[in-house]
Amino acid sequence: MLRKYRLTSQVVFFVLFGACFFFVNTFPRPYTIPGDLFLRLNPLVALSTGIAARAIIPSVLVTGIVVAVLTIVFGRFFCGFVCPLGAAIDVSDRFFFRAARSNNRRPPRYLQRLKYVLLYGIILLAVFGAVFPLFMDPISLLTRIFTIIVHPLLKFTGAESIHLSAPLLDLLGQGKLRYITLATPVFYGIPFVLLLAAIIFGTGFWDKRFWCQYVCPSGAFFGLLSRAPFFRRAPIAEGCNSCGACARVCPTRAIDTEKVERTSSAECVLCGQCTDIKNTCSSFRFVKPAAVQSPGPDLKRRHLLFGAAAGILMVPLYKTTAVTVADGQGRLIRPPGAIPETGFLSRCIACGNCMKVCPTNALQPCLLSEGFNRLYTPRLAPRIGGCDSKCHLCGYACPTGAIRKLPINEKPYAKIGTAVIDRHRCLAWEQNRECLVCDEVCPFNAIEPRLVETTTGPFKVPVVNESLCVGCGMCENKCPIFDRAAIEVYRFGEKRLASGSYATAVQKQTMDELRRKSDKDVISGKSDNLPGFDSKQPGIPQGFAE
């Protein structure tokens, strides 16, 4: 009976996870249901980010405490009933590796200690102000896989399906449907995510729930919390004949093969398979912790010391910035609302949720070129997409507050960088060709057309007003120059606040006056009667629509 409840629960929570991922955080309505709901559930995320940031993070603390209390009472229910990654692994194990798997190939049982060693290393890294998000949280892992692989693949499949079904749609009189466009997002770092997914699901060849048993630090944390739960497997003395069948079917080897009445609650995920084969031997019920033999995690002092030593050795490697190419060139641009870098890196769990909700595909994961400590954290890649001036979804998608919930009226004052024109690549500056695309697409009037003397006479060229530019990257994205744009956004001048308003009264007044003046210059027609410009449309080059 417990197994049926578990399977039903897994289906419900996986569907809910998919709904939160695909349908909740959709432009322009981010407030219906929190799309980061699942990302807030893991108490290890609350603990590690809170320690690293030296702060209480309410968004993950409240839900983390609730799940931790439930774990103390019910054991590792999260792993068996809630975790969508665990459900996906169960499906993969059953349909792809069931025939190939053999009990003779199962890894030694003592390897289950590895996840506890990794847990100690992660907590120690947090003490030194760093989080290790690559595989710390199964929810963020699955969100990253869905963001970078599954979501683009589904979009691509949908777009190709519409294209291939065009003749059929015409025959059915629904030809208008063929013009539906599905923009397929593209992300950096796909090979590493594919490799990680292959390890998570492919290791089921050797053992059931291999990742959960031997690697997952969150599973280790839940195991420590559930050493003596009130709801657990309890043997029925008169019905057990010590045949060992329950131990053989246990996917996490929580039941002792020699003394089947002993069940390690730290490893048991409440799957219910042991009671399915013979429900007269044992059952899951509420019992007093002292009434049942329940060994704790198979740990010794040396494992704790080894994990601590590994964490200490990882600190200099993890925080190194020796190979940060983009950072050294000033091209590492964070999303608007991102808190200062040190605090950002102590909170960001690299889940990819902000990248998924970005409507222009502008947010991309950092790679090793930005430093190991920034791997898969978000950065703005303007050449792929600019930051939409009317969008602030990334802050509402972030579960840990690494990106603040930025009100839309403050976004024009949250400067993330400054655009710089390379005059040797710009068509207007270098070749005296009529091009003011960057001026046309700038949503903040930060690019001004100015008249300069050239070898062929006066000509109008774009100039960036650094006081008005917020670094959105729309100009770089739309620049017609092939490959590298003639105008690029750099990080200098960025404004990142951990708290408080971006729009101070003085700054708001100054920038509003500058924008009004810029608008007035265009409307007044100061660009009239210049070479290559239509006097009927002030400030707009010939060939460009108003």
Protein backbone atom coordinates (compact mmCIF):
# COMPACT_ATOMS: atom_id res chain seq x y z
CA MET A 1 0.00 0.00 0.00
CA LEU A 2 2.85 2.42 0.86
CA ARG A 3 4.39 1.80 -2.54
CA LYS A 4 1.17 2.82 -4.31
CA TYR A 5 1.04 6.02 -2.27
CA ARG A 6 4.67 6.71 -3.11
CA LEU A 7 4.20 6.20 -6.86
CA THR A 8 1.13 8.45 -6.84
CA SER A 9 3.04 11.10 -4.88
CA GLN A 10 5.99 10.95 -7.27
CA VAL A 11 3.74 11.45 -10.28
CA VAL A 12 1.91 14.37 -8.64
CA PHE A 13 5.08 16.16 -7.57
CA PHE A 14 6.83 15.59 -10.89
CA VAL A 15 3.84 17.05 -12.75
CA LEU A 16 3.80 19.97 -10.32
CA PHE A 17 7.52 20.51 -10.91
CA GLY A 18 6.92 20.53 -14.67
CA ALA A 19 4.04 22.99 -14.26
CA CYS A 20 6.19 25.33 -12.17
CA PHE A 21 8.98 25.09 -14.72
CA PHE A 22 7.04 25.47 -17.98
CA PHE A 23 3.93 27.48 -17.16
CA VAL A 24 4.34 29.60 -14.03
CA ASN A 25 7.25 31.97 -14.66
CA THR A 26 6.12 33.07 -18.12
CA PHE A 27 6.47 36.60 -19.43
CA PRO A 28 4.80 38.87 -18.42
CA ARG A 29 3.02 37.28 -15.41
CA PRO A 30 5.53 36.13 -12.78
CA TYR A 31 3.35 36.32 -9.69
CA THR A 32 0.70 33.58 -10.07
CA ILE A 33 2.52 30.74 -8.27
CA PRO A 34 6.19 30.95 -7.27
CA GLY A 35 8.04 29.17 -10.05
CA ASP A 36 10.95 28.58 -7.68
CA LEU A 37 8.71 26.67 -5.26
CA PHE A 38 10.64 23.39 -5.54
CA LEU A 39 14.00 25.15 -5.38
CA ARG A 40 13.09 26.44 -1.92
CA LEU A 41 12.34 23.04 -0.39
CA ASN A 42 15.83 21.69 0.30
CA PRO A 43 17.01 22.55 3.85
CA LEU A 44 20.63 21.98 2.76
CA VAL A 45 20.27 24.94 0.38
CA ALA A 46 19.00 27.10 3.24
CA LEU A 47 21.85 25.96 5.50
CA SER A 48 24.74 26.29 3.04
CA THR A 49 23.65 29.60 1.48
CA GLY A 50 22.85 31.04 4.91
CA ILE A 51 26.30 30.10 6.25
CA ALA A 52 28.11 31.30 3.12
CA ALA A 53 26.21 34.60 2.97
CA ARG A 54 26.39 35.13 6.77
CA ALA A 55 22.71 35.99 6.60
CA ILE A 56 19.25 34.58 7.07
CA ILE A 57 17.55 34.04 3.71
CA PRO A 58 13.80 33.92 4.45
CA SER A 59 12.79 32.65 0.99
CA VAL A 60 14.50 29.30 1.57
CA LEU A 61 14.68 29.22 5.36
CA VAL A 62 10.96 28.84 6.09
CA THR A 63 10.32 26.02 3.62
CA GLY A 64 13.65 24.41 4.53
CA ILE A 65 12.70 24.28 8.22
CA VAL A 66 9.31 22.75 7.38
CA VAL A 67 10.90 20.01 5.27
CA ALA A 68 13.58 19.39 7.92
CA VAL A 69 10.97 18.94 10.67
CA LEU A 70 8.96 16.57 8.48
CA THR A 71 12.15 14.61 7.78
CA ILE A 72 12.83 14.21 11.49
CA VAL A 73 9.32 12.79 11.90
CA PHE A 74 8.88 10.73 8.70
CA GLY A 75 12.46 9.98 7.65
CA ARG A 76 13.69 10.49 4.09
CA PHE A 77 10.21 11.04 2.69
CA PHE A 78 11.53 13.84 0.47
CA CYS A 79 13.78 11.44 -1.45
CA GLY A 80 11.06 8.82 -1.88
CA PHE A 81 7.88 10.87 -2.25
CA VAL A 82 8.77 14.42 -3.39
CA CYS A 83 12.10 14.69 -5.23
CA PRO A 84 11.43 14.89 -9.00
CA LEU A 85 15.01 13.87 -9.79
CA GLY A 86 14.54 10.73 -7.69
CA ALA A 87 11.33 9.97 -9.61
CA ALA A 88 13.13 10.42 -12.94
CA ILE A 89 15.94 8.12 -11.77
CA ASP A 90 13.39 5.48 -10.74
CA VAL A 91 11.83 5.57 -14.22
CA SER A 92 15.25 5.38 -15.88
CA ASP A 93 16.36 2.48 -13.68
CA ARG A 94 13.18 0.54 -14.35
CA PHE A 95 12.93 0.92 -18.13
CA PHE A 96 16.58 1.10 -19.22
CA PHE A 97 18.67 -0.92 -16.79
CA ARG A 98 16.36 -3.42 -15.15
CA ALA A 99 17.49 -6.33 -17.35
CA ALA A 100 21.15 -5.35 -17.42
CA ARG A 101 21.57 -4.78 -13.68
CA SER A 102 22.94 -7.61 -11.55
CA ASN A 103 23.36 -7.97 -7.80
CA ASN A 104 26.90 -9.21 -8.43
CA ARG A 105 27.78 -5.86 -9.99
CA ARG A 106 26.58 -3.66 -7.15
CA PRO A 107 29.30 -1.42 -5.68
CA PRO A 108 30.58 -2.14 -2.17
CA ARG A 109 28.17 -0.94 0.46
CA TYR A 110 30.76 1.21 2.20
CA LEU A 111 30.77 3.55 -0.82
CA GLN A 112 27.55 4.99 0.57
CA ARG A 113 29.81 6.96 2.89
CA LEU A 114 30.99 9.05 -0.09
CA LYS A 115 27.92 11.27 -0.03
CA TYR A 116 28.56 12.14 3.63
CA VAL A 117 32.17 13.06 2.85
CA LEU A 118 30.92 15.35 0.07
CA LEU A 119 28.35 16.85 2.45
CA TYR A 120 31.02 17.74 5.00
CA GLY A 121 33.16 19.30 2.28
CA ILE A 122 30.23 21.41 1.02
CA ILE A 123 29.40 22.67 4.52
CA LEU A 124 33.03 23.56 5.15
CA LEU A 125 33.18 25.45 1.87
CA ALA A 126 30.13 27.38 3.03
CA VAL A 127 31.96 28.30 6.24
CA PHE A 128 34.59 29.95 4.04
CA GLY A 129 31.91 31.86 2.15
CA ALA A 130 31.49 29.66 -0.93
CA VAL A 131 28.65 27.46 -2.11
CA PHE A 132 29.24 24.43 -4.33
CA PRO A 133 26.02 24.26 -6.37
CA LEU A 134 27.01 21.87 -9.17
CA PHE A 135 25.32 18.86 -7.60
CA MET A 136 24.44 20.03 -4.09
CA ASP A 137 20.69 20.16 -4.68
CA PRO A 138 18.80 17.59 -6.81
CA ILE A 139 16.08 20.14 -7.63
CA SER A 140 18.56 22.68 -9.00
CA LEU A 141 20.28 19.86 -10.90
CA LEU A 142 17.06 18.85 -12.61
CA THR A 143 16.12 22.50 -13.23
CA ARG A 144 19.49 23.06 -14.90
CA ILE A 145 19.02 19.96 -17.08
CA PHE A 146 15.51 21.07 -18.05
CA THR A 147 16.66 24.64 -18.78
CA ILE A 148 19.69 23.87 -20.92
CA ILE A 149 18.65 20.59 -22.58
CA VAL A 150 14.98 19.61 -22.24
CA HIS A 151 13.32 22.99 -22.78
CA PRO A 152 15.30 23.93 -25.95
CA LEU A 153 14.80 20.40 -27.29
CA LEU A 154 11.02 20.61 -26.82
CA LYS A 155 10.92 24.06 -28.44
CA PHE A 156 12.96 22.78 -31.40
CA THR A 157 10.75 19.70 -31.75
CA GLY A 158 7.62 21.85 -31.68
CA ALA A 159 8.99 24.26 -34.30
CA GLU A 160 9.99 21.39 -36.62
CA SER A 161 6.63 19.69 -36.11
CA ILE A 162 4.81 22.84 -37.23
CA HIS A 163 7.08 23.09 -40.27
CA LEU A 164 6.60 19.44 -41.28
CA SER A 165 2.85 19.51 -40.74
CA ALA A 166 2.34 22.64 -42.89
CA PRO A 167 0.84 20.72 -45.89
CA LEU A 168 -1.56 18.89 -43.58
CA LEU A 169 -2.62 22.15 -41.95
CA ASP A 170 -3.34 23.61 -45.38
CA LEU A 171 -5.51 20.60 -46.27
CA LEU A 172 -7.44 20.99 -43.03
CA GLY A 173 -8.01 24.67 -43.68
CA GLN A 174 -5.81 25.70 -40.75
CA GLY A 175 -3.01 27.21 -42.78
CA LYS A 176 -2.62 30.15 -40.41
CA LEU A 177 -1.20 27.77 -37.78
CA ARG A 178 1.89 27.20 -39.92
CA TYR A 179 3.03 30.74 -39.10
CA ILE A 180 3.27 30.07 -35.36
CA THR A 181 6.86 30.70 -34.36
CA LEU A 182 8.61 28.98 -31.47
CA ALA A 183 11.93 30.62 -30.67
CA THR A 184 14.39 27.93 -29.61
CA PRO A 185 16.69 29.12 -26.82
CA VAL A 186 20.38 28.36 -27.14
CA PHE A 187 22.75 28.00 -24.20
CA TYR A 188 26.46 27.62 -23.62
CA GLY A 189 27.80 24.65 -21.67
CA ILE A 190 25.54 21.94 -23.08
CA PRO A 191 28.25 19.20 -23.17
CA PHE A 192 28.96 19.38 -19.45
CA VAL A 193 25.26 19.25 -18.57
CA LEU A 194 24.81 16.27 -20.90
CA LEU A 195 27.74 14.54 -19.23
CA LEU A 196 26.31 15.20 -15.78
CA ALA A 197 22.89 13.89 -16.86
CA ALA A 198 24.53 10.78 -18.31
CA ILE A 199 26.29 10.14 -14.99
CA ILE A 200 23.12 10.69 -12.93
CA PHE A 201 20.95 8.38 -15.02
CA GLY A 202 23.56 6.08 -16.60
CA THR A 203 24.99 4.83 -13.31
CA GLY A 204 21.71 2.97 -12.80
CA PHE A 205 23.50 0.25 -14.80
CA TRP A 206 25.36 -0.68 -11.62
CA ASP A 207 22.79 -0.10 -8.92
CA LYS A 208 19.30 1.22 -8.25
CA ARG A 209 19.28 4.92 -7.41
CA PHE A 210 23.06 5.00 -7.69
CA TRP A 211 23.17 8.81 -7.49
CA CYS A 212 20.94 8.92 -4.43
CA GLN A 213 22.82 6.15 -2.64
CA TYR A 214 26.43 7.14 -3.21
CA VAL A 215 26.75 10.75 -4.41
CA CYS A 216 23.88 13.08 -3.50
CA PRO A 217 24.93 15.38 -0.59
CA SER A 218 21.29 16.34 -0.03
CA GLY A 219 20.47 12.67 0.49
CA ALA A 220 23.26 12.54 3.08
CA PHE A 221 21.83 15.59 4.84
CA PHE A 222 18.36 14.04 4.92
CA GLY A 223 19.97 10.87 6.22
CA LEU A 224 21.52 12.72 9.16
CA LEU A 225 18.15 14.30 9.97
CA SER A 226 16.34 10.97 9.83
CA ARG A 227 18.54 8.83 12.04
CA ALA A 228 15.64 8.12 14.41
CA PRO A 229 12.31 9.03 12.77
CA PHE A 230 8.96 8.24 14.34
CA PHE A 231 7.57 6.76 11.11
CA ARG A 232 9.71 3.88 9.94
CA ARG A 233 9.91 0.23 8.97
CA ALA A 234 9.20 -2.01 11.92
CA PRO A 235 9.39 -5.84 11.83
CA ILE A 236 6.53 -8.12 12.86
CA ALA A 237 8.23 -10.68 15.05
CA GLU A 238 5.74 -13.51 14.58
CA GLY A 239 5.70 -13.15 10.79
CA CYS A 240 9.42 -12.85 9.99
CA ASN A 241 11.44 -16.01 9.25
CA SER A 242 14.67 -14.16 8.28
CA CYS A 243 14.49 -15.22 4.63
CA GLY A 244 16.23 -12.01 3.56
CA ALA A 245 13.89 -11.28 0.63
CA CYS A 246 13.23 -7.77 1.92
CA ALA A 247 16.95 -6.98 2.01
CA ARG A 248 17.41 -8.22 -1.56
CA VAL A 249 14.71 -5.95 -3.01
CA CYS A 250 15.65 -2.84 -1.02
CA PRO A 251 16.94 -0.32 -3.64
CA THR A 252 19.10 1.61 -1.18
CA ARG A 253 20.35 -1.39 0.87
CA ALA A 254 18.87 0.07 4.04
CA ILE A 255 17.99 -3.39 5.43
CA ASP A 256 20.76 -5.43 7.03
CA THR A 257 21.23 -8.67 5.09
CA GLU A 258 22.25 -10.59 8.22
CA LYS A 259 19.72 -9.10 10.65
CA VAL A 260 16.69 -8.15 8.58
CA GLU A 261 14.99 -6.59 11.57
CA ARG A 262 17.61 -3.84 11.47
CA THR A 263 16.82 -0.98 9.05
CA SER A 264 19.01 2.06 8.56
CA SER A 265 16.55 4.97 8.51
CA ALA A 266 19.37 7.16 7.21
CA GLU A 267 19.30 5.16 3.95
CA CYS A 268 15.62 4.15 3.77
CA VAL A 269 13.59 6.25 1.30
CA LEU A 270 10.24 4.69 2.31
CA CYS A 271 9.77 3.01 -1.08
CA GLY A 272 7.65 0.22 0.42
CA GLN A 273 9.10 -2.57 -1.74
CA CYS A 274 10.02 -4.63 1.31
CA THR A 275 6.42 -4.76 2.51
CA ASP A 276 5.07 -5.50 -0.97
CA ILE A 277 6.77 -8.88 -1.27
CA LYS A 278 5.44 -10.06 2.10
CA ASN A 279 3.39 -7.72 4.25
CA THR A 280 3.29 -10.12 7.18
CA CYS A 281 6.98 -9.62 7.94
CA SER A 282 7.15 -5.86 8.47
CA SER A 283 5.22 -2.66 8.02
CA PHE A 284 5.75 1.09 8.04
CA ARG A 285 4.14 2.68 11.06
CA PHE A 286 4.68 5.15 13.88
CA VAL A 287 6.87 3.64 16.61
CA LYS A 288 9.07 4.92 19.38
CA PRO A 289 12.64 5.39 18.10
CA ALA A 290 14.06 3.23 20.90
CA ALA A 291 11.67 0.38 20.11
CA VAL A 292 13.29 -0.52 16.77
CA GLN A 293 16.88 -1.33 15.95
CA SER A 294 17.99 1.39 13.55
CA PRO A 295 21.71 1.82 12.92
CA GLY A 296 22.79 5.32 11.95
CA PRO A 297 24.91 6.22 8.92
CA ASP A 298 27.95 4.03 8.44
CA LEU A 299 30.41 6.75 9.40
CA LYS A 300 33.59 7.04 11.38
CA ARG A 301 35.64 9.98 12.54
CA ARG A 302 38.07 9.63 9.66
CA HIS A 303 35.26 10.22 7.16
CA LEU A 304 34.42 13.53 8.82
CA LEU A 305 38.09 14.52 8.86
CA PHE A 306 38.54 13.51 5.23
CA GLY A 307 35.53 15.59 4.16
CA ALA A 308 36.80 18.56 6.16
CA ALA A 309 40.27 18.26 4.64
CA ALA A 310 38.80 18.05 1.13
CA GLY A 311 36.72 21.16 1.80
CA ILE A 312 39.75 23.10 3.04
CA LEU A 313 41.80 22.07 0.00
CA MET A 314 38.95 23.08 -2.32
CA VAL A 315 38.71 26.63 -0.97
CA PRO A 316 41.72 28.12 -2.85
CA LEU A 317 40.87 26.17 -6.00
CA TYR A 318 37.23 27.12 -5.87
CA LYS A 319 37.82 30.81 -5.27
CA THR A 320 40.64 31.21 -7.76
CA THR A 321 40.12 33.75 -10.53
CA ALA A 322 43.38 33.14 -12.38
CA VAL A 323 41.64 32.04 -15.59
CA THR A 324 38.72 34.44 -15.60
CA VAL A 325 39.08 35.69 -19.17
CA ALA A 326 35.72 37.47 -19.42
CA ASP A 327 36.14 38.97 -15.95
CA GLY A 328 39.59 40.33 -16.82
CA GLN A 329 38.19 41.93 -19.96
CA GLY A 330 35.27 43.45 -18.08
CA ARG A 331 32.72 41.35 -19.97
CA LEU A 332 31.26 39.43 -17.03
CA ILE A 333 27.90 41.20 -16.75
CA ARG A 334 25.38 40.04 -14.18
CA PRO A 335 21.59 40.40 -14.53
CA PRO A 336 19.97 43.64 -13.30
CA GLY A 337 19.24 43.38 -9.60
CA ALA A 338 22.18 41.03 -8.91
CA ILE A 339 23.70 41.78 -5.53
CA PRO A 340 27.47 42.53 -5.21
CA GLU A 341 29.66 39.71 -6.54
CA THR A 342 30.86 38.27 -3.24
CA GLY A 343 27.33 38.02 -1.90
CA PHE A 344 26.06 36.82 -5.26
CA LEU A 345 28.46 33.87 -5.32
CA SER A 346 27.55 32.95 -1.75
CA ARG A 347 23.84 32.70 -2.66
CA CYS A 348 23.59 31.58 -6.29
CA ILE A 349 22.96 27.82 -6.57
CA ALA A 350 23.36 27.80 -10.38
CA CYS A 351 19.89 26.34 -10.89
CA GLY A 352 19.35 28.09 -14.24
CA ASN A 353 15.82 29.23 -13.38
CA CYS A 354 16.63 32.85 -14.26
CA MET A 355 18.01 31.74 -17.63
CA LYS A 356 14.85 29.81 -18.41
CA VAL A 357 12.51 32.76 -17.79
CA CYS A 358 14.60 35.30 -19.71
CA PRO A 359 12.42 36.15 -22.76
CA THR A 360 15.34 37.18 -24.97
CA ASN A 361 17.69 34.28 -24.12
CA ALA A 362 20.18 36.93 -22.95
CA LEU A 363 21.14 35.12 -19.73
CA GLN A 364 23.73 32.42 -20.30
CA PRO A 365 25.68 30.16 -17.91
CA CYS A 366 29.24 31.05 -17.02
CA LEU A 367 31.83 28.49 -18.09
CA LEU A 368 35.32 27.68 -16.81
CA SER A 369 36.69 30.77 -18.57
CA GLU A 370 34.87 32.84 -15.91
CA GLY A 371 36.37 30.83 -13.05
CA PHE A 372 35.42 27.58 -11.36
CA ASN A 373 33.55 29.38 -8.59
CA ARG A 374 31.23 30.98 -11.17
CA LEU A 375 30.48 27.84 -13.18
CA TYR A 376 26.86 27.85 -14.44
CA THR A 377 25.97 31.07 -12.64
CA PRO A 378 24.11 33.53 -14.91
CA ARG A 379 25.73 36.22 -17.02
CA LEU A 380 24.40 38.53 -19.70
CA ALA A 381 25.49 37.66 -23.26
CA PRO A 382 24.27 40.67 -25.30
CA ARG A 383 25.32 39.21 -28.64
CA ILE A 384 22.72 36.48 -28.11
CA GLY A 385 20.04 38.73 -26.63
CA GLY A 386 19.62 42.08 -24.96
CA CYS A 387 17.96 42.64 -21.58
CA ASP A 388 14.32 43.60 -22.18
CA SER A 389 13.59 46.95 -20.51
CA LYS A 390 10.06 45.80 -19.58
CA CYS A 391 11.08 42.47 -18.03
CA HIS A 392 12.15 41.75 -14.46
CA LEU A 393 11.43 38.02 -14.28
CA CYS A 394 14.93 36.89 -13.30
CA GLY A 395 14.63 38.40 -9.81
CA TYR A 396 11.30 36.68 -9.22
CA ALA A 397 12.68 33.35 -10.45
CA CYS A 398 15.72 33.39 -8.14
CA PRO A 399 15.05 31.25 -5.02
CA THR A 400 17.89 32.53 -2.83
CA GLY A 401 17.90 36.29 -3.42
CA ALA A 402 21.13 36.32 -5.44
CA ILE A 403 19.11 38.44 -7.88
CA ARG A 404 16.81 40.90 -6.15
CA LYS A 405 13.15 41.30 -7.04
CA LEU A 406 13.59 44.52 -8.96
CA PRO A 407 10.51 46.73 -9.45
CA ILE A 408 10.07 47.61 -13.08
CA ASN A 409 10.20 51.34 -12.34
CA GLU A 410 13.68 50.93 -10.82
CA LYS A 411 15.18 49.02 -13.73
CA PRO A 412 16.28 52.16 -15.66
CA TYR A 413 18.49 53.03 -12.68
CA ALA A 414 19.99 49.55 -12.07
CA LYS A 415 23.08 49.98 -14.20
CA ILE A 416 24.78 46.69 -15.12
CA GLY A 417 27.39 48.05 -17.51
CA THR A 418 28.17 50.60 -20.18
CA ALA A 419 28.21 50.32 -23.97
CA VAL A 420 31.46 51.18 -25.74
CA ILE A 421 31.77 51.86 -29.49
CA ASP A 422 34.76 50.50 -31.38
CA ARG A 423 35.19 53.26 -33.95
CA HIS A 424 37.41 51.06 -36.13
CA ARG A 425 34.56 48.57 -36.61
CA CYS A 426 31.58 50.92 -36.67
CA LEU A 427 30.16 51.50 -40.15
CA ALA A 428 29.36 55.14 -39.43
CA TRP A 429 32.67 56.03 -37.80
CA GLU A 430 35.01 54.03 -40.01
CA GLN A 431 33.33 53.98 -43.41
CA ASN A 432 30.97 56.98 -43.36
CA ARG A 433 28.04 54.66 -44.06
CA GLU A 434 24.59 55.53 -42.86
CA CYS A 435 23.93 53.34 -39.82
CA LEU A 436 22.40 54.30 -36.51
CA VAL A 437 20.86 50.95 -35.59
CA CYS A 438 22.21 51.16 -32.04
CA ASP A 439 20.50 54.53 -31.59
CA GLU A 440 17.22 53.20 -32.95
CA VAL A 441 17.06 50.15 -30.64
CA CYS A 442 18.28 51.79 -27.42
CA PRO A 443 15.30 51.87 -25.02
CA PHE A 444 16.91 54.53 -22.80
CA ASN A 445 17.99 57.13 -25.39
CA ALA A 446 21.57 56.59 -24.29
CA ILE A 447 23.02 56.78 -27.81
CA GLU A 448 23.05 60.17 -29.47
CA PRO A 449 23.70 60.95 -33.15
CA ARG A 450 26.38 63.62 -33.48
CA LEU A 451 27.81 65.51 -36.41
CA VAL A 452 31.57 65.09 -36.91
CA GLU A 453 33.97 66.26 -39.59
CA THR A 454 35.35 63.47 -41.76
CA THR A 455 37.55 63.31 -44.84
CA THR A 456 34.42 63.51 -46.99
CA GLY A 457 32.73 66.27 -45.01
CA PRO A 458 30.34 66.37 -42.04
CA PHE A 459 28.72 63.05 -41.13
CA LYS A 460 26.45 61.78 -38.37
CA VAL A 461 27.83 59.08 -36.04
CA PRO A 462 26.61 57.43 -32.82
CA VAL A 463 28.01 58.45 -29.43
CA VAL A 464 27.20 56.75 -26.11
CA ASN A 465 26.00 58.89 -23.23
CA GLU A 466 27.47 56.97 -20.30
CA SER A 467 25.17 58.70 -17.83
CA LEU A 468 22.09 57.27 -19.53
CA CYS A 469 23.39 53.86 -20.62
CA VAL A 470 22.39 51.02 -18.27
CA GLY A 471 24.19 48.26 -20.17
CA CYS A 472 21.11 46.37 -21.41
CA GLY A 473 22.99 45.22 -24.52
CA MET A 474 20.21 45.83 -27.05
CA CYS A 475 22.65 47.86 -29.15
CA GLU A 476 25.23 45.07 -29.19
CA ASN A 477 22.60 42.48 -30.01
CA LYS A 478 21.28 44.39 -33.04
CA CYS A 479 24.60 45.70 -34.38
CA PRO A 480 24.79 44.61 -38.04
CA ILE A 481 28.55 44.01 -37.95
CA PHE A 482 29.28 40.33 -38.48
CA ASP A 483 30.75 38.25 -35.62
CA ARG A 484 31.99 40.73 -33.01
CA ALA A 485 29.77 43.81 -32.70
CA ALA A 486 31.08 47.33 -33.20
CA ILE A 487 29.43 48.34 -29.93
CA GLU A 488 29.90 46.16 -26.85
CA VAL A 489 28.81 46.33 -23.23
CA TYR A 490 31.45 46.28 -20.50
CA ARG A 491 31.00 45.98 -16.78
CA PHE A 492 32.44 49.33 -15.76
CA GLY A 493 30.03 51.72 -14.12
CA GLU A 494 27.78 48.91 -12.85
CA LYS A 495 25.66 49.55 -9.79
CA ARG A 496 24.89 46.53 -7.59
CA LEU A 497 23.17 46.89 -4.24
CA ALA A 498 22.43 44.26 -1.61
CA SER A 499 19.52 46.34 -0.30
CA GLY A 500 17.88 49.72 -0.75
CA SER A 501 16.55 51.50 -3.80
CA TYR A 502 18.48 51.94 -7.03
CA ALA A 503 16.57 55.10 -7.80
CA THR A 504 17.71 57.72 -5.28
CA ALA A 505 15.96 61.05 -5.51
CA VAL A 506 19.04 62.90 -6.82
CA GLN A 507 19.97 60.21 -9.33
CA LYS A 508 16.41 59.88 -10.56
CA GLN A 509 16.09 63.62 -11.07
CA THR A 510 19.43 63.82 -12.91
CA MET A 511 18.76 60.88 -15.23
CA ASP A 512 15.19 61.95 -15.94
CA GLU A 513 16.41 65.40 -16.92
CA LEU A 514 19.05 63.89 -19.21
CA ARG A 515 16.48 61.65 -20.87
CA ARG A 516 14.05 64.53 -21.35
CA LYS A 517 16.83 66.60 -22.91
CA SER A 518 17.77 63.72 -25.21
CA ASP A 519 14.14 63.30 -26.29
CA LYS A 520 13.82 67.07 -26.82
CA ASP A 521 16.89 67.17 -29.08
CA VAL A 522 15.44 64.50 -31.34
CA ILE A 523 11.94 66.01 -31.45
CA SER A 524 13.24 69.54 -32.11
CA GLY A 525 14.76 68.40 -35.38
CA LYS A 526 18.41 69.22 -34.69
CA SER A 527 19.31 66.32 -36.98
CA ASP A 528 17.63 67.91 -40.02
CA ASN A 529 19.49 68.75 -43.23
CA LEU A 530 22.47 66.56 -42.49
CA PRO A 531 24.08 64.41 -45.18
CA GLY A 532 22.22 61.15 -45.66
CA PHE A 533 19.22 62.08 -43.50
CA ASP A 534 15.62 62.68 -44.44
CA SER A 535 14.44 66.07 -43.14
CA LYS A 536 10.88 64.79 -42.93
CA GLN A 537 11.91 62.24 -40.34
CA PRO A 538 14.34 64.03 -37.99
CA GLY A 539 17.11 61.85 -36.67
CA ILE A 540 16.20 58.77 -38.75
CA PRO A 541 18.50 57.65 -41.59
CA GLN A 542 17.08 56.94 -45.04
CA GLY A 543 15.86 53.39 -45.36
CA PHE A 544 14.85 53.03 -41.71
CA ALA A 545 11.19 52.89 -40.72
CA GLU A 546 9.92 55.20 -38.02
